[in-house]
Amino acid sequence: MEEALKIQSLFIYPIKSCRGISVPQATVTQTGFQWDRYWLVVNYKGRAYTQRVEPKLALVESELPKEAFLEDWEPTKDTFLVVRAPGMSPLKIPLTKPSSIAEGVSMWEWSGSAFDEGEEAAKWFSDYLGKQSRLVRFNKETETRPSPPEFAAGYSTTFADMFPFLFASQASLDQLNTLLPEPVPINRFRPNFLVDNCDPFGEDLWDEIKINELVFQGVRLCSRCKVPLVNQETGVPGAAEPTETLMKFRSDKVLMPDKKARGKVYFGKEMVWNWNISNSEGKGSKTIRVGDTISVLKMMTSITEAAV
């Protein structure tokens, strides 16, 4: 008998492009997991820093109180995001709402205002990166960062790249690792969900899945940038892998030979939470746990449809 699809691991990345946290459970919101990519490191012009240009961010660790991952938990004045990095003293960011606002924050196509986490955080990141920096927090009350409407109209995210959720499977990673000169861990690909008992790249064709009472819609395959080249344990970018190997069997040229090749490689499936049909109009628990089963409700017909 075929084993049910299960959630093997859940990951939250509190600060964009910094190290993720493996959590036993997470709360689903319309913009992604609670606390996922709520913070962003920016330069003196308010523009986002990511591992594409600052691979040292891979070594910045975040810690949140365990109770922060419980549904409906509210921060108190004694709760903090604790940030650590090699050679730096720990930085404590109060989880209560900051009073200061930074205008002119920008990431990719989006610009707007964000909460400013203050001078101590700015000095910490400036010292660590060796250049003027600030730490800002997404302001859900005043700002919306829409996902590309041609793919996911009506959905939005915080400081994630484009879409609220990224799924990947252990079997996909295992297959890739059999082809690589040296295996890589899943942290190269920074998913929110790591799924067990899936066929290799079976997640590609998920159109609609259900976890508990929550329904997720497939948006598209995740085309990868340079970040998978960065060793997340050392913060040092490699020259070729795993991208070079992925090019051989996961490029647009290979997967979609009838389309114009643009040199993209794919790993993982981008998805949104369809709150319109989940939870009977949004009632009920929005908590997802490691070990929960996944039901595939609808499949796409072809990889071309999945990649758009």
Protein backbone atom coordinates (compact mmCIF):
# COMPACT_ATOMS: atom_id res chain seq x y z
CA MET A 1 0.00 0.00 0.00
CA GLU A 2 1.25 3.46 -0.90
CA GLU A 3 2.16 5.56 2.11
CA ALA A 4 0.31 8.83 2.61
CA LEU A 5 2.06 12.09 1.83
CA LYS A 6 3.30 13.57 5.11
CA ILE A 7 4.90 16.78 6.28
CA GLN A 8 8.46 15.86 7.23
CA SER A 9 9.62 19.36 8.23
CA LEU A 10 8.30 22.91 8.47
CA PHE A 11 10.57 25.95 8.09
CA ILE A 12 10.11 29.62 8.89
CA TYR A 13 12.61 32.31 7.87
CA PRO A 14 11.92 35.29 10.16
CA ILE A 15 14.49 37.57 8.48
CA LYS A 16 14.53 37.50 4.69
CA SER A 17 17.63 35.68 3.36
CA CYS A 18 18.83 34.71 6.84
CA ARG A 19 18.85 31.22 8.33
CA GLY A 20 15.55 29.38 8.76
CA ILE A 21 14.04 27.79 11.85
CA SER A 22 12.77 24.21 11.77
CA VAL A 23 9.52 24.24 13.77
CA PRO A 24 7.15 21.50 14.98
CA GLN A 25 4.10 23.53 14.01
CA ALA A 26 3.24 26.78 12.24
CA THR A 27 0.21 29.02 11.81
CA VAL A 28 -1.01 29.67 8.27
CA THR A 29 -1.92 33.26 7.35
CA GLN A 30 -2.95 34.75 4.02
CA THR A 31 0.58 36.08 3.42
CA GLY A 32 2.47 32.92 4.46
CA PHE A 33 3.36 31.36 7.79
CA GLN A 34 3.15 33.59 10.85
CA TRP A 35 6.61 35.21 11.30
CA ASP A 36 7.89 34.07 7.88
CA ARG A 37 9.92 36.82 6.19
CA TYR A 38 8.52 39.50 8.50
CA TRP A 39 11.92 41.23 8.72
CA LEU A 40 14.24 42.54 6.03
CA VAL A 41 17.78 43.93 6.09
CA VAL A 42 18.09 47.00 3.85
CA ASN A 43 20.90 49.27 2.68
CA TYR A 44 21.18 53.02 3.27
CA LYS A 45 18.69 53.63 0.43
CA GLY A 46 16.14 51.24 1.94
CA ARG A 47 16.75 48.55 -0.69
CA ALA A 48 16.62 44.87 0.27
CA TYR A 49 19.76 42.88 0.95
CA THR A 50 19.56 39.19 0.06
CA GLN A 51 22.05 36.33 -0.17
CA ARG A 52 22.36 37.05 -3.89
CA VAL A 53 24.66 39.96 -2.98
CA GLU A 54 25.30 39.36 0.75
CA PRO A 55 25.83 35.59 1.18
CA LYS A 56 27.01 36.21 4.78
CA LEU A 57 23.32 36.60 5.69
CA ALA A 58 23.17 32.78 5.56
CA LEU A 59 25.00 32.72 8.93
CA VAL A 60 22.52 35.01 10.71
CA GLU A 61 20.35 32.88 13.02
CA SER A 62 16.98 33.87 14.45
CA GLU A 63 15.26 32.54 17.54
CA LEU A 64 11.64 33.15 18.50
CA PRO A 65 9.89 32.07 21.72
CA LYS A 66 8.37 28.58 21.35
CA GLU A 67 4.92 29.95 22.09
CA ALA A 68 5.21 32.31 19.09
CA PHE A 69 4.25 29.37 16.87
CA LEU A 70 0.93 28.82 18.67
CA GLU A 71 -2.18 30.15 16.99
CA ASP A 72 -3.50 33.50 18.30
CA TRP A 73 -0.41 34.10 20.45
CA GLU A 74 0.21 37.78 21.11
CA PRO A 75 3.68 39.22 21.91
CA THR A 76 4.33 40.85 25.27
CA LYS A 77 6.96 43.43 26.15
CA ASP A 78 9.16 40.59 27.46
CA THR A 79 9.27 38.63 24.18
CA PHE A 80 12.01 39.01 21.59
CA LEU A 81 13.39 37.93 18.28
CA VAL A 82 16.98 37.02 19.20
CA VAL A 83 19.49 37.34 16.36
CA ARG A 84 22.95 35.75 16.38
CA ALA A 85 25.88 35.61 13.97
CA PRO A 86 29.56 34.59 14.17
CA GLY A 87 31.64 37.16 16.01
CA MET A 88 28.61 39.20 17.09
CA SER A 89 26.87 39.63 20.44
CA PRO A 90 23.21 38.50 20.40
CA LEU A 91 20.74 41.16 19.25
CA LYS A 92 17.32 41.28 20.92
CA ILE A 93 14.43 42.74 18.93
CA PRO A 94 11.20 43.30 20.92
CA LEU A 95 8.30 41.47 19.26
CA THR A 96 5.83 44.17 20.24
CA LYS A 97 5.06 46.69 17.52
CA PRO A 98 7.85 49.22 16.89
CA SER A 99 6.94 52.91 17.05
CA SER A 100 9.26 54.08 14.28
CA ILE A 101 8.41 53.93 10.55
CA ALA A 102 10.91 53.71 7.68
CA GLU A 103 9.69 55.19 4.40
CA GLY A 104 10.98 54.21 0.96
CA VAL A 105 11.71 50.55 1.68
CA SER A 106 11.97 48.52 -1.54
CA MET A 107 12.28 44.89 -2.53
CA TRP A 108 12.14 43.86 -6.18
CA GLU A 109 9.00 45.43 -7.66
CA TRP A 110 7.55 46.59 -4.33
CA SER A 111 8.16 49.77 -2.38
CA GLY A 112 6.42 51.16 0.66
CA SER A 113 6.87 51.85 4.33
CA ALA A 114 7.88 49.40 7.05
CA PHE A 115 8.50 49.47 10.78
CA ASP A 116 12.08 50.45 11.64
CA GLU A 117 13.70 48.31 14.35
CA GLY A 118 15.91 51.13 15.60
CA GLU A 119 19.53 52.15 16.00
CA GLU A 120 20.84 49.12 17.89
CA ALA A 121 19.64 46.74 15.17
CA ALA A 122 20.96 49.09 12.46
CA LYS A 123 24.41 49.18 14.07
CA TRP A 124 24.44 45.38 14.54
CA PHE A 125 23.74 44.65 10.88
CA SER A 126 26.00 47.49 9.69
CA ASP A 127 28.87 46.05 11.75
CA TYR A 128 28.18 42.51 10.60
CA LEU A 129 27.93 43.32 6.88
CA GLY A 130 30.54 46.08 6.95
CA LYS A 131 28.20 48.57 5.30
CA GLN A 132 25.37 50.84 6.35
CA SER A 133 22.27 48.74 7.03
CA ARG A 134 18.94 48.80 8.84
CA LEU A 135 16.47 46.15 9.95
CA VAL A 136 12.83 46.74 9.07
CA ARG A 137 9.62 44.79 9.75
CA PHE A 138 6.70 44.36 7.37
CA ASN A 139 3.70 46.46 8.40
CA LYS A 140 0.63 44.35 7.63
CA GLU A 141 -1.68 47.10 8.88
CA THR A 142 -0.79 49.62 6.19
CA GLU A 143 1.04 47.71 3.44
CA THR A 144 0.16 45.00 0.93
CA ARG A 145 2.72 43.32 -1.28
CA PRO A 146 0.73 41.54 -4.01
CA SER A 147 1.96 38.32 -5.56
CA PRO A 148 2.23 38.64 -9.38
CA PRO A 149 -1.46 38.84 -10.38
CA GLU A 150 -0.95 36.92 -13.62
CA PHE A 151 -0.13 33.87 -11.47
CA ALA A 152 -1.99 34.44 -8.18
CA ALA A 153 -4.50 37.28 -8.44
CA GLY A 154 -5.75 38.48 -5.07
CA TYR A 155 -2.88 36.95 -3.06
CA SER A 156 -0.06 38.77 -1.31
CA THR A 157 3.00 38.10 0.79
CA THR A 158 5.42 39.84 3.16
CA PHE A 159 9.13 39.83 2.20
CA ALA A 160 9.11 36.37 0.57
CA ASP A 161 10.26 36.44 -3.05
CA MET A 162 6.86 36.27 -4.76
CA PHE A 163 4.42 33.80 -3.24
CA PRO A 164 3.47 32.90 0.34
CA PHE A 165 4.46 29.20 0.44
CA LEU A 166 7.14 26.98 -1.08
CA PHE A 167 6.80 23.18 -1.02
CA ALA A 168 9.55 20.66 -1.81
CA SER A 169 9.85 16.92 -1.32
CA GLN A 170 12.53 14.76 0.22
CA ALA A 171 12.39 12.46 -2.83
CA SER A 172 13.20 15.38 -5.17
CA LEU A 173 16.21 16.29 -3.03
CA ASP A 174 17.30 12.63 -2.87
CA GLN A 175 17.13 12.29 -6.65
CA LEU A 176 19.14 15.46 -7.15
CA ASN A 177 21.72 14.29 -4.60
CA THR A 178 22.30 11.01 -6.46
CA LEU A 179 23.48 13.13 -9.41
CA LEU A 180 25.59 15.70 -7.55
CA PRO A 181 29.33 15.32 -6.91
CA GLU A 182 28.55 16.22 -3.26
CA PRO A 183 25.05 16.05 -1.77
CA VAL A 184 23.37 19.25 -0.58
CA PRO A 185 20.88 19.69 2.29
CA ILE A 186 17.37 21.05 1.79
CA ASN A 187 18.38 24.42 3.27
CA ARG A 188 19.89 25.34 -0.12
CA PHE A 189 16.32 25.62 -1.43
CA ARG A 190 14.66 27.33 1.56
CA PRO A 191 11.20 25.69 1.43
CA ASN A 192 8.45 26.17 4.00
CA PHE A 193 7.23 22.57 3.65
CA LEU A 194 9.38 19.46 3.17
CA VAL A 195 7.17 16.53 2.18
CA ASP A 196 7.84 12.81 2.68
CA ASN A 197 6.49 9.78 0.74
CA CYS A 198 6.25 11.77 -2.50
CA ASP A 199 7.54 10.60 -5.88
CA PRO A 200 10.59 12.58 -7.03
CA PHE A 201 9.24 15.92 -8.30
CA GLY A 202 5.69 14.67 -7.77
CA GLU A 203 4.94 18.08 -6.22
CA ASP A 204 5.37 19.65 -9.67
CA LEU A 205 1.86 18.68 -10.71
CA TRP A 206 -0.06 19.55 -7.54
CA ASP A 207 -2.91 21.86 -8.48
CA GLU A 208 -4.86 21.65 -5.23
CA ILE A 209 -3.91 19.95 -1.96
CA LYS A 210 -5.49 19.76 1.47
CA ILE A 211 -3.76 19.69 4.85
CA ASN A 212 -6.26 19.26 7.70
CA GLU A 213 -9.00 21.70 6.68
CA LEU A 214 -6.70 24.04 4.75
CA VAL A 215 -6.67 23.99 0.95
CA PHE A 216 -3.58 25.15 -0.97
CA GLN A 217 -3.50 25.99 -4.69
CA GLY A 218 -0.49 25.34 -6.87
CA VAL A 219 0.80 28.50 -8.51
CA ARG A 220 3.87 27.48 -10.49
CA LEU A 221 7.20 25.71 -10.30
CA CYS A 222 9.84 27.67 -8.44
CA SER A 223 12.55 28.93 -10.77
CA ARG A 224 15.77 29.23 -8.84
CA CYS A 225 18.13 32.21 -8.55
CA LYS A 226 21.75 32.12 -7.34
CA VAL A 227 20.93 31.42 -3.67
CA PRO A 228 21.11 27.58 -3.95
CA LEU A 229 24.80 28.07 -4.82
CA VAL A 230 25.43 29.49 -1.33
CA ASN A 231 26.59 26.97 1.28
CA GLN A 232 24.23 27.77 4.16
CA GLU A 233 26.69 26.46 6.77
CA THR A 234 29.61 28.64 5.65
CA GLY A 235 27.95 31.56 3.84
CA VAL A 236 30.29 30.97 0.87
CA PRO A 237 28.84 30.76 -2.66
CA GLY A 238 29.98 27.89 -4.87
CA ALA A 239 30.63 28.30 -8.57
CA ALA A 240 28.31 25.74 -10.11
CA GLU A 241 26.41 23.25 -7.96
CA PRO A 242 23.62 22.34 -7.56
CA THR A 243 22.50 24.61 -10.43
CA GLU A 244 24.72 23.01 -13.06
CA THR A 245 23.30 19.55 -12.40
CA LEU A 246 19.73 20.87 -12.21
CA MET A 247 20.28 22.40 -15.66
CA LYS A 248 20.71 18.89 -17.08
CA PHE A 249 17.28 17.63 -16.05
CA ARG A 250 15.27 20.48 -14.48
CA SER A 251 15.73 23.36 -16.93
CA ASP A 252 12.96 24.94 -18.99
CA LYS A 253 14.77 23.61 -22.07
CA VAL A 254 14.45 20.00 -20.83
CA LEU A 255 11.04 20.21 -19.14
CA MET A 256 9.36 22.36 -21.78
CA PRO A 257 11.12 21.70 -25.08
CA ASP A 258 8.29 23.32 -27.06
CA LYS A 259 8.72 26.65 -25.26
CA LYS A 260 11.43 29.26 -25.72
CA ALA A 261 14.26 28.43 -23.30
CA ARG A 262 15.23 31.23 -20.92
CA GLY A 263 17.87 29.38 -18.93
CA LYS A 264 15.66 28.75 -15.91
CA VAL A 265 15.98 25.79 -13.53
CA TYR A 266 13.20 24.56 -11.28
CA PHE A 267 13.08 23.05 -7.81
CA GLY A 268 10.02 23.21 -5.57
CA LYS A 269 6.41 24.27 -6.00
CA GLU A 270 5.06 27.71 -5.16
CA MET A 271 1.60 27.71 -3.60
CA VAL A 272 -1.00 29.91 -1.93
CA TRP A 273 -3.52 29.16 0.81
CA ASN A 274 -6.99 29.37 -0.68
CA TRP A 275 -8.84 30.75 2.33
CA ASN A 276 -12.04 31.09 0.27
CA ILE A 277 -12.60 27.33 0.33
CA SER A 278 -10.64 26.35 3.45
CA ASN A 279 -12.03 25.94 6.92
CA SER A 280 -15.63 26.56 5.84
CA GLU A 281 -15.08 30.30 5.35
CA GLY A 282 -12.00 30.59 7.49
CA LYS A 283 -13.28 29.10 10.74
CA GLY A 284 -11.32 26.42 12.57
CA SER A 285 -7.64 25.84 13.20
CA LYS A 286 -4.97 27.29 10.94
CA THR A 287 -2.19 25.29 12.60
CA ILE A 288 -0.14 22.84 10.55
CA ARG A 289 2.13 20.31 12.27
CA VAL A 290 5.03 18.07 11.30
CA GLY A 291 3.51 14.64 10.61
CA ASP A 292 0.23 15.97 9.19
CA THR A 293 -0.92 14.20 6.03
CA ILE A 294 -1.43 15.87 2.68
CA SER A 295 -4.26 14.94 0.31
CA VAL A 296 -3.85 15.79 -3.36
CA LEU A 297 -7.27 16.96 -4.57
CA LYS A 298 -6.37 18.00 -8.13
CA MET A 299 -3.37 17.41 -10.40
CA MET A 300 -2.17 19.49 -13.32
CA THR A 301 -2.05 17.66 -16.63
CA SER A 302 1.50 18.54 -17.66
CA ILE A 303 4.74 20.10 -16.52
CA THR A 304 4.19 22.93 -19.03
CA GLU A 305 1.00 23.90 -17.22
CA ALA A 306 2.81 23.77 -13.87
CA ALA A 307 5.70 25.97 -14.93
CA VAL A 308 3.78 28.73 -16.71
